[in-house]
N, C-alpha and C. Protein backbone atom coordinates (compact mmCIF):
# COMPACT_ATOMS: atom_id res chain seq x y z
N UNK A 1 112.44 100.24 76.86
CA UNK A 1 112.41 101.85 76.54
C UNK A 1 113.71 102.38 77.27
N UNK A 2 113.57 103.88 75.47
CA UNK A 2 114.28 104.49 76.17
C UNK A 2 114.00 106.01 76.08
N UNK A 3 114.74 107.04 77.21
CA UNK A 3 113.70 108.22 77.34
C UNK A 3 115.68 108.99 77.45
N UNK A 4 115.53 110.14 76.87
CA UNK A 4 117.28 110.96 76.80
C UNK A 4 118.19 110.05 77.08
N UNK A 5 117.87 108.87 75.71
CA UNK A 5 119.27 108.04 75.99
C UNK A 5 119.28 107.38 77.51
N UNK A 6 118.52 107.19 78.33
CA UNK A 6 118.70 106.08 79.35
C UNK A 6 117.67 105.26 78.95
N UNK A 7 118.77 104.48 79.26
CA UNK A 7 117.50 102.99 79.40
C UNK A 7 116.95 102.43 80.90
N UNK A 8 115.71 102.54 80.59
CA UNK A 8 115.21 101.98 81.89
C UNK A 8 114.15 100.46 82.15
N UNK A 9 114.58 99.84 83.39
CA UNK A 9 113.55 98.62 83.33
C UNK A 9 111.84 99.10 84.37
N UNK A 10 111.23 98.30 83.64
CA UNK A 10 109.57 98.38 84.61
C UNK A 10 110.25 98.36 86.19
N UNK A 11 111.04 97.28 86.54
CA UNK A 11 110.77 97.22 88.11
C UNK A 11 111.93 98.17 88.54
N UNK A 12 113.12 98.64 88.09
CA UNK A 12 113.66 100.06 88.65
C UNK A 12 113.45 101.19 88.09
N UNK A 13 111.93 101.28 87.42
CA UNK A 13 111.84 102.60 86.99
C UNK A 13 112.01 103.75 87.50
N UNK A 14 110.86 103.34 88.70
CA UNK A 14 110.60 104.42 89.67
C UNK A 14 111.36 104.01 91.18
N UNK A 15 112.46 103.60 91.31
CA UNK A 15 113.29 103.04 92.54
C UNK A 15 113.22 104.70 93.42
N UNK A 16 113.54 105.33 92.84
CA UNK A 16 113.92 106.41 93.14
C UNK A 16 113.42 107.65 93.87
N UNK A 17 111.72 107.67 93.63
CA UNK A 17 110.63 108.50 94.00
C UNK A 17 110.22 107.58 95.04
N UNK A 18 109.43 108.52 95.81
CA UNK A 18 108.45 107.89 96.33
C UNK A 18 107.64 107.78 95.89
N UNK A 19 106.73 106.80 96.81
CA UNK A 19 105.15 106.38 96.38
C UNK A 19 104.19 106.99 96.87
N UNK A 20 103.43 108.00 95.82
CA UNK A 20 102.57 108.91 96.61
C UNK A 20 100.93 108.77 96.74
N UNK A 21 100.67 107.12 96.87
CA UNK A 21 99.45 106.51 97.18
C UNK A 21 98.61 106.39 96.18
N UNK A 22 97.06 105.86 96.25
CA UNK A 22 96.41 105.51 95.07
C UNK A 22 95.94 106.78 94.79
N UNK A 23 95.47 106.59 93.42
CA UNK A 23 94.99 107.73 92.70
C UNK A 23 93.44 108.60 92.90
N UNK A 24 93.06 107.61 93.51
CA UNK A 24 91.47 108.20 93.40
C UNK A 24 90.94 107.26 94.62
N UNK A 25 91.28 105.96 94.96
CA UNK A 25 90.76 105.16 95.97
C UNK A 25 91.23 105.56 96.96
N UNK A 26 90.63 105.17 98.26
CA UNK A 26 91.04 105.65 99.19
C UNK A 26 92.12 104.70 100.07
N UNK A 27 93.39 104.95 100.66
CA UNK A 27 93.81 104.27 101.23
C UNK A 27 93.95 104.07 102.50
N UNK A 28 92.87 102.65 102.22
CA UNK A 28 92.26 103.01 103.22
C UNK A 28 93.25 101.90 104.61
N UNK A 29 94.34 100.85 104.03
CA UNK A 29 95.19 99.26 104.31
C UNK A 29 96.61 100.64 104.49
N UNK A 30 96.58 101.95 103.90
CA UNK A 30 97.73 102.80 104.10
C UNK A 30 99.18 102.06 103.93
N UNK A 31 98.86 101.92 102.63
CA UNK A 31 99.50 101.56 101.89
C UNK A 31 100.34 102.12 101.53
N UNK A 32 101.64 101.80 101.57
CA UNK A 32 103.19 102.78 101.65
C UNK A 32 104.40 102.79 100.62
N UNK A 33 103.98 101.72 99.82
CA UNK A 33 104.84 100.99 99.03
C UNK A 33 104.49 100.79 97.77
N UNK A 34 105.04 100.99 96.40
CA UNK A 34 104.23 99.95 94.75
C UNK A 34 103.98 98.90 95.14
N UNK A 35 104.96 97.60 96.09
CA UNK A 35 105.19 96.75 95.74
C UNK A 35 103.72 95.89 97.29
N UNK A 36 103.11 96.73 97.95
CA UNK A 36 102.13 96.62 98.61
C UNK A 36 100.57 96.75 97.64
N UNK A 37 101.06 98.22 97.12
CA UNK A 37 100.15 98.49 96.35
C UNK A 37 99.73 97.61 94.80
N UNK A 38 100.69 97.16 94.60
CA UNK A 38 100.93 96.32 93.74
C UNK A 38 99.94 94.82 93.53
N UNK A 39 100.28 94.34 94.84
CA UNK A 39 100.13 93.09 95.64
C UNK A 39 98.60 93.18 96.10
N UNK A 40 98.07 93.65 96.30
CA UNK A 40 96.64 94.35 96.69
C UNK A 40 96.15 93.77 95.51
N UNK A 41 96.42 93.67 94.08
CA UNK A 41 95.42 93.39 93.36
C UNK A 41 95.47 91.98 92.87
N UNK A 42 96.73 91.06 93.67
CA UNK A 42 96.93 89.85 93.71
C UNK A 42 96.09 89.11 94.85
N UNK A 43 95.75 89.69 95.91
CA UNK A 43 95.19 89.59 96.95
C UNK A 43 93.29 89.96 96.29
N UNK A 44 93.19 90.38 95.77
CA UNK A 44 91.78 90.47 95.15
C UNK A 44 91.43 89.65 94.81
N UNK A 45 92.29 89.48 93.67
CA UNK A 45 92.29 88.10 92.69
C UNK A 45 91.72 86.75 93.60
N UNK A 46 92.77 86.80 94.33
CA UNK A 46 92.27 85.41 94.87
C UNK A 46 90.81 85.53 95.93
N UNK A 47 91.02 86.38 96.27
CA UNK A 47 89.54 86.64 96.95
C UNK A 47 88.67 86.61 96.11
N UNK A 48 88.33 86.79 95.55
CA UNK A 48 87.07 86.69 94.20
C UNK A 48 87.23 85.48 93.72
N UNK A 49 88.38 84.59 93.40
CA UNK A 49 88.40 83.44 93.08
C UNK A 49 88.29 82.54 93.80
N UNK A 50 88.03 82.44 95.44
CA UNK A 50 87.75 81.67 96.66
C UNK A 50 86.63 82.29 96.69
N UNK A 51 85.51 83.02 96.72
CA UNK A 51 84.32 83.57 97.11
C UNK A 51 83.19 82.46 95.49
N UNK A 52 83.75 83.09 94.39
CA UNK A 52 83.49 82.28 93.42
C UNK A 52 83.22 81.01 93.21
N UNK A 53 84.39 80.50 94.21
CA UNK A 53 84.51 78.85 94.24
C UNK A 53 83.59 78.27 95.03
N UNK A 54 83.62 78.94 96.11
CA UNK A 54 82.45 79.03 97.20
C UNK A 54 80.82 78.77 96.63
N UNK A 55 80.80 80.20 96.17
CA UNK A 55 79.35 80.38 95.31
C UNK A 55 78.97 79.35 94.43
N UNK A 56 80.21 78.34 93.44
CA UNK A 56 79.59 77.67 92.69
C UNK A 56 79.83 76.28 92.88
N UNK A 57 80.79 75.73 93.82
CA UNK A 57 81.35 74.76 93.99
C UNK A 57 80.69 73.52 95.13
N UNK A 58 80.25 74.67 95.89
CA UNK A 58 79.79 74.36 97.20
C UNK A 58 77.85 74.86 97.08
N UNK A 59 77.53 75.05 96.10
CA UNK A 59 76.10 75.42 96.00
C UNK A 59 75.18 74.29 96.56
N UNK A 60 75.50 72.93 96.46
CA UNK A 60 74.24 72.13 96.95
C UNK A 60 75.08 71.64 98.37
N UNK A 61 75.83 71.98 98.73
CA UNK A 61 76.35 71.44 100.39
C UNK A 61 76.58 72.86 101.68
N UNK A 62 75.78 73.58 100.92
CA UNK A 62 76.09 74.90 102.06
C UNK A 62 74.57 75.49 102.37
N UNK A 63 74.32 76.21 103.48
CA UNK A 63 72.91 77.05 103.16
C UNK A 63 73.12 78.00 102.29
N UNK A 64 71.53 77.92 101.48
CA UNK A 64 71.26 79.01 100.54
C UNK A 64 72.10 80.64 101.02
N UNK A 65 71.64 80.62 102.46
CA UNK A 65 72.16 82.43 102.55
C UNK A 65 73.73 82.12 102.92
N UNK A 66 74.76 81.57 103.02
CA UNK A 66 76.11 81.30 102.58
C UNK A 66 76.25 81.39 101.31
N UNK A 67 75.95 80.51 100.57
CA UNK A 67 76.02 80.99 99.16
C UNK A 67 75.50 81.95 98.41
N UNK A 68 74.18 82.60 98.94
CA UNK A 68 73.84 84.40 98.94
C UNK A 68 75.17 84.91 99.14
N UNK A 69 75.39 85.06 100.58
CA UNK A 69 76.60 85.81 100.75
C UNK A 69 77.90 85.23 99.87
N UNK A 70 78.24 84.40 99.55
CA UNK A 70 79.67 84.22 98.19
C UNK A 70 79.83 84.69 97.65
N UNK A 71 77.92 85.14 96.30
CA UNK A 71 78.04 85.11 95.68
C UNK A 71 77.92 87.12 95.46
N UNK A 72 77.28 87.28 96.43
CA UNK A 72 77.62 89.10 96.58
C UNK A 72 79.14 89.67 97.53
N UNK A 73 79.79 88.33 97.89
CA UNK A 73 81.07 89.07 98.17
C UNK A 73 82.01 88.85 97.14
N UNK A 74 81.36 87.97 95.80
CA UNK A 74 82.14 88.13 94.05
C UNK A 74 82.36 88.98 93.76
N UNK A 75 80.80 89.99 93.86
CA UNK A 75 80.55 90.92 93.18
C UNK A 75 81.32 92.16 93.82
N UNK A 76 81.05 91.71 95.07
CA UNK A 76 81.97 93.13 95.80
C UNK A 76 83.43 92.89 95.30
N UNK A 77 83.98 92.10 95.38
CA UNK A 77 85.25 91.84 95.45
C UNK A 77 85.52 92.20 93.78
N UNK A 78 84.96 91.86 92.80
CA UNK A 78 85.45 92.44 91.22
C UNK A 78 85.08 93.36 91.16
N UNK A 79 83.88 94.27 91.88
CA UNK A 79 83.85 95.79 91.86
C UNK A 79 85.38 96.43 92.30
N UNK A 80 85.94 95.75 93.23
CA UNK A 80 87.00 96.78 93.88
C UNK A 80 88.20 95.99 93.25
N UNK A 81 87.98 95.29 92.47
CA UNK A 81 89.05 94.60 91.64
C UNK A 81 89.14 95.85 90.49
N UNK A 82 88.25 95.94 89.62
CA UNK A 82 88.14 96.90 88.40
C UNK A 82 88.82 98.50 89.28
N UNK A 83 88.16 98.85 90.18
CA UNK A 83 88.32 99.81 91.00
C UNK A 83 90.21 100.19 90.99
N UNK A 84 90.47 98.95 91.89
CA UNK A 84 91.78 98.98 91.85
C UNK A 84 92.88 99.28 90.64
N UNK A 85 92.32 98.45 89.52
CA UNK A 85 93.06 98.19 88.13
C UNK A 85 92.42 99.55 87.57
N UNK A 86 92.04 100.55 87.61
CA UNK A 86 91.83 101.26 87.30
C UNK A 86 92.72 102.63 87.80
N UNK A 87 92.74 102.27 89.06
CA UNK A 87 93.65 103.58 90.22
C UNK A 87 95.03 103.09 89.77
N UNK A 88 95.36 101.90 89.65
CA UNK A 88 96.75 101.59 88.91
C UNK A 88 97.30 102.03 87.84
N UNK A 89 95.85 102.29 86.87
CA UNK A 89 96.34 102.47 85.56
C UNK A 89 96.56 104.10 85.62
N UNK A 90 95.57 104.84 86.60
CA UNK A 90 95.71 106.09 86.51
C UNK A 90 97.40 106.38 87.34
N UNK A 91 97.67 105.42 88.80
CA UNK A 91 98.86 106.01 89.64
C UNK A 91 100.28 105.67 88.36
N UNK A 92 100.22 104.59 87.06
CA UNK A 92 101.64 104.46 86.55
C UNK A 92 101.59 105.74 85.78
N UNK A 93 100.36 106.36 85.32
CA UNK A 93 100.41 107.61 84.26
C UNK A 93 100.79 108.77 85.12
N UNK A 94 100.58 108.79 86.28
CA UNK A 94 100.46 109.97 87.04
C UNK A 94 102.74 110.04 87.65
N UNK A 95 102.72 108.57 87.82
CA UNK A 95 104.40 108.68 87.90
C UNK A 95 105.22 108.32 86.97
N UNK A 96 104.41 108.00 85.83
CA UNK A 96 105.89 108.42 84.38
C UNK A 96 105.40 109.63 84.12
N UNK A 97 104.37 110.42 84.12
CA UNK A 97 104.76 111.88 83.78
C UNK A 97 105.42 112.54 84.61
N UNK A 98 105.41 112.25 86.11
CA UNK A 98 106.44 112.78 86.66
C UNK A 98 107.70 112.67 86.65
N UNK A 99 108.35 111.23 86.33
CA UNK A 99 109.37 111.10 85.79
C UNK A 99 109.81 111.78 84.44
N UNK A 100 108.94 112.31 83.55
CA UNK A 100 108.92 112.87 82.16
C UNK A 100 108.98 111.38 80.88
N UNK A 101 108.43 110.12 81.70
CA UNK A 101 108.30 109.20 80.54
C UNK A 101 107.00 109.29 79.93
N UNK A 102 106.65 109.58 78.64
CA UNK A 102 105.62 109.11 78.45
C UNK A 102 105.51 107.59 77.75
N UNK A 103 104.04 107.65 78.11
CA UNK A 103 103.54 106.59 77.10
C UNK A 103 103.50 105.73 75.73
């Protein structure tokens, strides 16, 4: 992608600007870099998949209470993943507008 004759890559486009933190979600984990921020989505996907696996695959092996908890955790983590994804889109838009790039 070119802006003003300068070619930039997605990985190096914001390397010289500081990470301003999440757009609207609370920074409970004190995330200080884009790498930490982006790794949250990987963590949330893994947590959602593991809780879903427990809820579905272990249904006949675990007590009903634990299965209900696993299902509740799955829903909670899925909601957090959606919120993080929306926040990441807003962060990307904020950072590109700050740098003068347009979508």
